[in-house]
Amino acid sequence: MPELSGVIADFPNEGVQLLYEDGRIAIWEEIFQPGVATPAHRHRRDCVAILPAKGELTLTSLGEEREEYLFLSHYLQAAPSNRSQLRFNFPACTVFHSKVPQTGVAHVAVNEGNRPVPMILIEIKGTAAERR
């Protein structure tokens, strides 16, 4: 991934609420509004995402590195997209693990549906490089 420090801010984005934090995890709540893109942001930690409501999101990568997703519940229905995008529909109560590359990953997310989509994101503390 090209060095984007100073250009793309680290997660969390403005409006994302910290629900809990200790030495091992940070738990965040984010609500994706219909048709509204998140600010460009960089993730540096692996995380587990919980999507309690059904929805449709498009993630647009801003670099060469990609996250690896492991869906822990339900089936991911990928929609047609290009190489830099991942667009998917998901049912309520979808849970997935995102493995972030050592250099981090930067993206923008857009709610493609017509209802707000809440997400609980559990970040696993330490950088991806420190955990490997």
Protein backbone atom coordinates (compact mmCIF):
# COMPACT_ATOMS: atom_id res chain seq x y z
CA MET A 1 0.00 0.00 0.00
CA PRO A 2 1.38 3.43 -0.78
CA GLU A 3 2.23 5.51 2.25
CA LEU A 4 -0.88 7.53 2.96
CA SER A 5 -0.01 8.84 6.44
CA GLY A 6 -1.23 12.37 6.87
CA VAL A 7 -3.56 11.97 3.90
CA ILE A 8 -5.99 9.38 5.25
CA ALA A 9 -6.91 9.49 8.92
CA ASP A 10 -6.82 6.40 11.11
CA PHE A 11 -10.12 4.86 12.24
CA PRO A 12 -12.31 5.92 14.05
CA ASN A 13 -14.14 8.34 11.81
CA GLU A 14 -15.98 11.36 13.13
CA GLY A 15 -19.32 10.26 14.56
CA VAL A 16 -18.15 6.76 15.51
CA GLN A 17 -18.86 6.19 19.19
CA LEU A 18 -16.54 4.35 21.58
CA LEU A 19 -18.65 2.00 23.71
CA TYR A 20 -15.93 0.20 25.68
CA GLU A 21 -12.16 -0.04 25.81
CA ASP A 22 -9.58 -1.95 27.81
CA GLY A 23 -6.04 -3.18 27.21
CA ARG A 24 -7.10 -5.83 24.68
CA ILE A 25 -10.08 -4.49 22.73
CA ALA A 26 -11.97 -1.36 21.74
CA ILE A 27 -15.68 -1.60 20.90
CA TRP A 28 -17.15 0.99 18.54
CA GLU A 29 -20.63 1.75 17.24
CA GLU A 30 -21.00 3.17 13.74
CA ILE A 31 -24.21 3.86 11.84
CA PHE A 32 -24.00 3.96 8.05
CA GLN A 33 -26.60 6.39 6.68
CA PRO A 34 -28.24 5.58 3.32
CA GLY A 35 -26.21 6.83 0.36
CA VAL A 36 -23.62 8.53 2.56
CA ALA A 37 -19.93 7.62 2.19
CA THR A 38 -17.78 7.42 5.28
CA PRO A 39 -14.71 9.63 5.32
CA ALA A 40 -11.65 7.89 3.90
CA HIS A 41 -10.01 6.08 6.80
CA ARG A 42 -7.32 3.53 7.61
CA HIS A 43 -7.68 0.42 9.78
CA ARG A 44 -4.54 -0.79 11.51
CA ARG A 45 -6.11 -3.48 13.70
CA ASP A 46 -7.89 -6.74 13.02
CA CYS A 47 -11.53 -6.58 14.05
CA VAL A 48 -14.81 -8.41 14.37
CA ALA A 49 -17.86 -6.65 12.94
CA ILE A 50 -21.44 -7.31 13.99
CA LEU A 51 -24.18 -6.08 11.68
CA PRO A 52 -27.50 -6.48 13.55
CA ALA A 53 -29.70 -5.33 10.63
CA LYS A 54 -29.74 -6.45 7.01
CA GLY A 55 -28.20 -4.13 4.48
CA GLU A 56 -25.97 -3.54 1.50
CA LEU A 57 -22.54 -1.94 1.73
CA THR A 58 -19.82 -1.11 -0.77
CA LEU A 59 -16.22 -0.88 0.45
CA THR A 60 -13.86 0.93 -1.91
CA SER A 61 -10.19 0.23 -1.28
CA LEU A 62 -7.83 3.21 -1.45
CA GLY A 63 -4.64 1.20 -1.85
CA GLU A 64 -3.27 -2.10 -3.07
CA GLU A 65 -3.61 -3.96 0.24
CA ARG A 66 -6.87 -5.79 0.95
CA GLU A 67 -8.51 -7.07 4.08
CA GLU A 68 -9.30 -10.76 4.34
CA TYR A 69 -12.85 -11.45 5.50
CA LEU A 70 -14.05 -14.55 7.31
CA PHE A 71 -17.81 -14.63 7.74
CA LEU A 72 -18.64 -16.22 11.07
CA SER A 73 -22.39 -16.22 10.55
CA HIS A 74 -24.60 -16.20 7.48
CA TYR A 75 -23.59 -16.20 3.87
CA LEU A 76 -21.98 -13.30 2.09
CA GLN A 77 -23.77 -12.43 -1.13
CA ALA A 78 -21.28 -10.46 -3.18
CA ALA A 79 -22.67 -8.13 -5.81
CA PRO A 80 -20.83 -7.27 -9.04
CA SER A 81 -18.00 -4.82 -8.40
CA ASN A 82 -14.60 -3.85 -9.72
CA ARG A 83 -11.17 -4.77 -8.34
CA SER A 84 -11.03 -1.89 -5.87
CA GLN A 85 -14.54 -2.47 -4.54
CA LEU A 86 -16.30 -5.10 -2.47
CA ARG A 87 -20.07 -4.76 -2.59
CA PHE A 88 -22.18 -7.14 -0.56
CA ASN A 89 -25.67 -7.76 0.73
CA PHE A 90 -26.00 -9.27 4.18
CA PRO A 91 -28.84 -10.53 6.39
CA ALA A 92 -29.49 -9.34 9.93
CA CYS A 93 -27.07 -10.65 12.57
CA THR A 94 -24.11 -11.01 10.20
CA VAL A 95 -20.75 -11.36 11.97
CA PHE A 96 -17.36 -11.33 10.27
CA HIS A 97 -13.68 -11.15 11.13
CA SER A 98 -11.49 -8.74 9.17
CA LYS A 99 -7.80 -9.58 9.00
CA VAL A 100 -5.90 -6.37 8.27
CA PRO A 101 -2.56 -6.52 6.43
CA GLN A 102 0.55 -5.51 8.37
CA THR A 103 0.69 -2.15 6.61
CA GLY A 104 -2.95 -1.38 7.37
CA VAL A 105 -5.79 -0.90 4.93
CA ALA A 106 -7.59 2.25 3.80
CA HIS A 107 -11.10 2.43 2.41
CA VAL A 108 -14.41 4.26 2.13
CA ALA A 109 -17.74 2.55 2.92
CA VAL A 110 -21.14 3.46 1.45
CA ASN A 111 -24.54 2.21 2.58
CA GLU A 112 -26.26 1.28 -0.70
CA GLY A 113 -29.61 0.60 0.95
CA ASN A 114 -32.46 2.88 1.97
CA ARG A 115 -32.24 2.36 5.76
CA PRO A 116 -29.50 3.16 8.30
CA VAL A 117 -27.18 0.20 8.93
CA PRO A 118 -25.74 -0.03 12.45
CA MET A 119 -22.45 -1.83 13.07
CA ILE A 120 -20.63 -2.83 16.23
CA LEU A 121 -16.90 -3.11 15.53
CA ILE A 122 -14.60 -4.87 18.00
CA GLU A 123 -10.99 -3.90 17.35
CA ILE A 124 -8.30 -6.26 18.59
CA LYS A 125 -5.59 -4.06 20.09
CA GLY A 126 -2.01 -4.07 18.90
CA THR A 127 -1.11 -3.55 15.29
CA ALA A 128 -1.47 -6.40 12.85
CA ALA A 129 2.35 -6.63 12.71
CA GLU A 130 2.61 -6.94 16.52
CA ARG A 131 0.16 -9.85 16.59
CA ARG A 132 2.05 -11.89 13.95
